[in-house]
Amino acid sequence: MKSERVLRIEGLCVKVGDAHILGGIDLEVRPGEVHAIMGPNGSGK
């Protein structure tokens, strides 16, 4: 049996000024899963 999603993101795009930071990000998080967004300081996380 599939567990329910607690978070679903489709087609996330982030733009800061003229810089495209993220494009077309899809993410699903289910109960008990752990995810991290990693990158250097100042990268817009």
N, C-alpha and C. Protein backbone atom coordinates (compact mmCIF):
# COMPACT_ATOMS: atom_id res chain seq x y z
N MET A 1 0.84 -1.17 0.00
CA MET A 1 0.00 0.00 0.00
C MET A 1 0.89 1.25 0.00
N LYS A 2 0.60 2.18 -0.88
CA LYS A 2 1.35 3.42 -0.94
C LYS A 2 0.94 4.34 0.20
N SER A 3 1.94 4.96 0.84
CA SER A 3 1.60 5.93 1.89
C SER A 3 1.28 7.28 1.24
N GLU A 4 0.53 8.08 1.96
CA GLU A 4 0.13 9.39 1.45
C GLU A 4 1.32 10.33 1.42
N ARG A 5 1.26 11.28 0.51
CA ARG A 5 2.28 12.33 0.45
C ARG A 5 1.98 13.35 1.55
N VAL A 6 3.05 13.88 2.13
CA VAL A 6 2.88 15.00 3.05
C VAL A 6 3.28 16.31 2.37
N LEU A 7 4.00 16.19 1.26
CA LEU A 7 4.39 17.36 0.48
C LEU A 7 4.56 16.95 -0.97
N ARG A 8 4.04 17.75 -1.88
CA ARG A 8 4.22 17.50 -3.31
C ARG A 8 4.49 18.83 -4.00
N ILE A 9 5.58 18.88 -4.76
CA ILE A 9 5.95 20.08 -5.51
C ILE A 9 6.13 19.65 -6.96
N GLU A 10 5.52 20.38 -7.87
CA GLU A 10 5.66 20.09 -9.30
C GLU A 10 6.05 21.35 -10.05
N GLY A 11 7.10 21.25 -10.85
CA GLY A 11 7.49 22.35 -11.72
C GLY A 11 7.99 23.59 -11.02
N LEU A 12 8.64 23.42 -9.87
CA LEU A 12 9.15 24.58 -9.12
C LEU A 12 10.25 25.28 -9.90
N CYS A 13 10.13 26.57 -10.07
CA CYS A 13 11.14 27.40 -10.70
C CYS A 13 11.42 28.58 -9.78
N VAL A 14 12.70 28.91 -9.64
CA VAL A 14 13.09 30.05 -8.81
C VAL A 14 14.02 30.93 -9.63
N LYS A 15 13.73 32.22 -9.65
CA LYS A 15 14.54 33.19 -10.36
C LYS A 15 14.84 34.34 -9.42
N VAL A 16 16.10 34.74 -9.34
CA VAL A 16 16.52 35.88 -8.53
C VAL A 16 17.16 36.88 -9.49
N GLY A 17 16.49 38.00 -9.68
CA GLY A 17 16.98 38.95 -10.68
C GLY A 17 16.93 38.29 -12.04
N ASP A 18 18.06 38.27 -12.74
CA ASP A 18 18.14 37.61 -14.04
C ASP A 18 18.65 36.18 -13.94
N ALA A 19 19.01 35.74 -12.74
CA ALA A 19 19.59 34.40 -12.55
C ALA A 19 18.50 33.37 -12.28
N HIS A 20 18.49 32.31 -13.08
CA HIS A 20 17.58 31.19 -12.85
C HIS A 20 18.27 30.24 -11.87
N ILE A 21 17.73 30.13 -10.67
CA ILE A 21 18.35 29.32 -9.62
C ILE A 21 17.91 27.87 -9.72
N LEU A 22 16.62 27.63 -9.89
CA LEU A 22 16.06 26.29 -10.04
C LEU A 22 15.10 26.30 -11.21
N GLY A 23 14.99 25.16 -11.89
CA GLY A 23 14.03 25.08 -12.99
C GLY A 23 13.43 23.70 -13.10
N GLY A 24 12.10 23.64 -13.06
CA GLY A 24 11.39 22.38 -13.28
C GLY A 24 11.62 21.32 -12.22
N ILE A 25 11.70 21.70 -10.96
CA ILE A 25 11.94 20.73 -9.88
C ILE A 25 10.63 20.08 -9.46
N ASP A 26 10.62 18.75 -9.40
CA ASP A 26 9.49 17.98 -8.89
C ASP A 26 9.96 17.23 -7.65
N LEU A 27 9.12 17.18 -6.61
CA LEU A 27 9.50 16.52 -5.36
C LEU A 27 8.25 16.00 -4.67
N GLU A 28 8.33 14.78 -4.16
CA GLU A 28 7.29 14.22 -3.30
C GLU A 28 7.94 13.71 -2.03
N VAL A 29 7.35 14.05 -0.90
CA VAL A 29 7.84 13.58 0.39
C VAL A 29 6.72 12.80 1.05
N ARG A 30 7.05 11.61 1.51
CA ARG A 30 6.08 10.74 2.18
C ARG A 30 6.45 10.64 3.66
N PRO A 31 5.51 10.27 4.50
CA PRO A 31 5.80 10.17 5.94
C PRO A 31 7.03 9.29 6.21
N GLY A 32 7.92 9.77 7.06
CA GLY A 32 9.11 9.03 7.44
C GLY A 32 10.32 9.29 6.55
N GLU A 33 10.14 9.96 5.41
CA GLU A 33 11.26 10.26 4.53
C GLU A 33 11.97 11.52 5.00
N VAL A 34 13.27 11.59 4.71
CA VAL A 34 14.07 12.76 5.04
C VAL A 34 14.74 13.24 3.77
N HIS A 35 14.61 14.53 3.47
CA HIS A 35 15.22 15.12 2.28
C HIS A 35 16.00 16.35 2.71
N ALA A 36 17.02 16.71 1.94
CA ALA A 36 17.82 17.90 2.24
C ALA A 36 18.11 18.65 0.95
N ILE A 37 18.14 19.96 1.06
CA ILE A 37 18.59 20.80 -0.04
C ILE A 37 19.96 21.31 0.36
N MET A 38 20.97 20.96 -0.44
CA MET A 38 22.34 21.28 -0.07
C MET A 38 22.97 22.22 -1.09
N GLY A 39 23.87 23.04 -0.62
CA GLY A 39 24.60 23.95 -1.49
C GLY A 39 25.41 24.92 -0.65
N PRO A 40 26.28 25.65 -1.31
CA PRO A 40 27.13 26.58 -0.57
C PRO A 40 26.34 27.74 0.01
N ASN A 41 26.92 28.40 1.01
CA ASN A 41 26.29 29.60 1.58
C ASN A 41 26.06 30.63 0.49
N GLY A 42 24.92 31.29 0.55
CA GLY A 42 24.60 32.33 -0.42
C GLY A 42 24.06 31.81 -1.73
N SER A 43 23.76 30.50 -1.80
CA SER A 43 23.29 29.92 -3.06
C SER A 43 21.78 29.97 -3.23
N GLY A 44 21.06 30.53 -2.26
CA GLY A 44 19.62 30.68 -2.39
C GLY A 44 18.78 29.53 -1.87
N LYS A 45 19.36 28.69 -1.05
CA LYS A 45 18.60 27.58 -0.49
C LYS A 45 17.48 28.11 0.35
